[in-house]
Amino acid sequence: MKTKEFDKAFDQGKDVTVYLDLGKASRVKQQHKRVNVDFPVWMIDSLDKEATRLGVSRQSVIKVWLAERLQQQKG
């Protein structure tokens, strides 16, 4: 499949994963390292409310917000 055909299929919302070798896929700079952070109860409550509103986990909210802030610091 040519690149233009792949892009067109992707843009049309078609499943293009059949054309990929996911066995060799990796996420660049995505190695994980576990950290522990203590938050005040009011902050946990606010994070949980936002996570429920978005339908995601508390951890997802924290990761997205931290990533957004770190991107702001770069630019």
Protein backbone atom coordinates (compact mmCIF):
# COMPACT_ATOMS: atom_id res chain seq x y z
CA MET A 1 0.00 0.00 0.00
CA LYS A 2 1.33 3.39 -0.94
CA THR A 3 1.58 6.22 1.55
CA LYS A 4 -1.18 8.26 -0.09
CA GLU A 5 -3.54 5.27 0.02
CA PHE A 6 -2.70 4.64 3.68
CA ASP A 7 -3.27 8.29 4.58
CA LYS A 8 -6.58 8.35 2.71
CA ALA A 9 -7.80 5.21 4.48
CA PHE A 10 -6.74 6.65 7.84
CA ASP A 11 -8.47 9.97 7.13
CA GLN A 12 -11.64 8.08 6.22
CA GLY A 13 -11.58 6.37 9.62
CA LYS A 14 -10.78 2.92 8.24
CA ASP A 15 -8.84 0.40 10.31
CA VAL A 16 -5.27 0.74 9.06
CA THR A 17 -3.71 -1.42 11.76
CA VAL A 18 -3.88 -4.43 9.42
CA TYR A 19 -1.13 -2.73 7.40
CA LEU A 20 1.15 -2.22 10.41
CA ASP A 21 3.61 -4.60 12.08
CA LEU A 22 2.60 -3.85 15.67
CA GLY A 23 5.05 -6.45 16.95
CA LYS A 24 7.85 -4.00 16.19
CA ALA A 25 6.01 -0.90 17.40
CA SER A 26 7.44 1.13 20.24
CA ARG A 27 6.68 4.46 21.84
CA VAL A 28 9.64 6.80 21.68
CA LYS A 29 10.50 8.39 25.02
CA GLN A 30 7.61 6.53 26.65
CA GLN A 31 9.52 4.37 29.11
CA HIS A 32 7.63 4.44 32.38
CA LYS A 33 8.96 5.02 35.86
CA ARG A 34 6.72 4.77 38.89
CA VAL A 35 6.65 7.70 41.31
CA ASN A 36 4.65 8.30 44.46
CA VAL A 37 3.16 11.69 45.19
CA ASP A 38 1.17 12.71 48.25
CA PHE A 39 -1.77 15.07 47.65
CA PRO A 40 -4.05 16.82 50.13
CA VAL A 41 -7.54 15.29 50.37
CA TRP A 42 -9.21 18.33 48.78
CA MET A 43 -7.00 17.91 45.72
CA ILE A 44 -7.81 14.20 45.41
CA ASP A 45 -11.52 15.02 45.67
CA SER A 46 -11.20 17.61 42.90
CA LEU A 47 -9.21 15.22 40.71
CA ASP A 48 -11.80 12.49 41.23
CA LYS A 49 -14.66 14.82 40.30
CA GLU A 50 -12.88 15.84 37.10
CA ALA A 51 -12.02 12.23 36.28
CA THR A 52 -15.65 11.21 36.74
CA ARG A 53 -16.83 14.11 34.59
CA LEU A 54 -14.45 13.07 31.81
CA GLY A 55 -15.03 9.35 32.26
CA VAL A 56 -11.36 8.58 32.80
CA SER A 57 -9.12 7.58 35.69
CA ARG A 58 -7.59 9.97 38.19
CA GLN A 59 -4.17 8.97 36.89
CA SER A 60 -5.18 9.97 33.35
CA VAL A 61 -6.25 13.42 34.51
CA ILE A 62 -2.97 13.92 36.35
CA LYS A 63 -0.90 12.77 33.37
CA VAL A 64 -2.74 14.97 30.87
CA TRP A 65 -2.59 18.04 33.09
CA LEU A 66 1.10 17.57 33.83
CA ALA A 67 1.87 17.01 30.14
CA GLU A 68 -0.04 20.17 29.22
CA ARG A 69 1.86 22.19 31.79
CA LEU A 70 5.20 20.80 30.69
CA GLN A 71 4.39 21.66 27.06
CA GLN A 72 3.54 25.23 28.13
CA GLN A 73 6.92 25.50 29.86
CA LYS A 74 8.69 24.50 26.62
CA GLY A 75 6.95 27.07 24.46
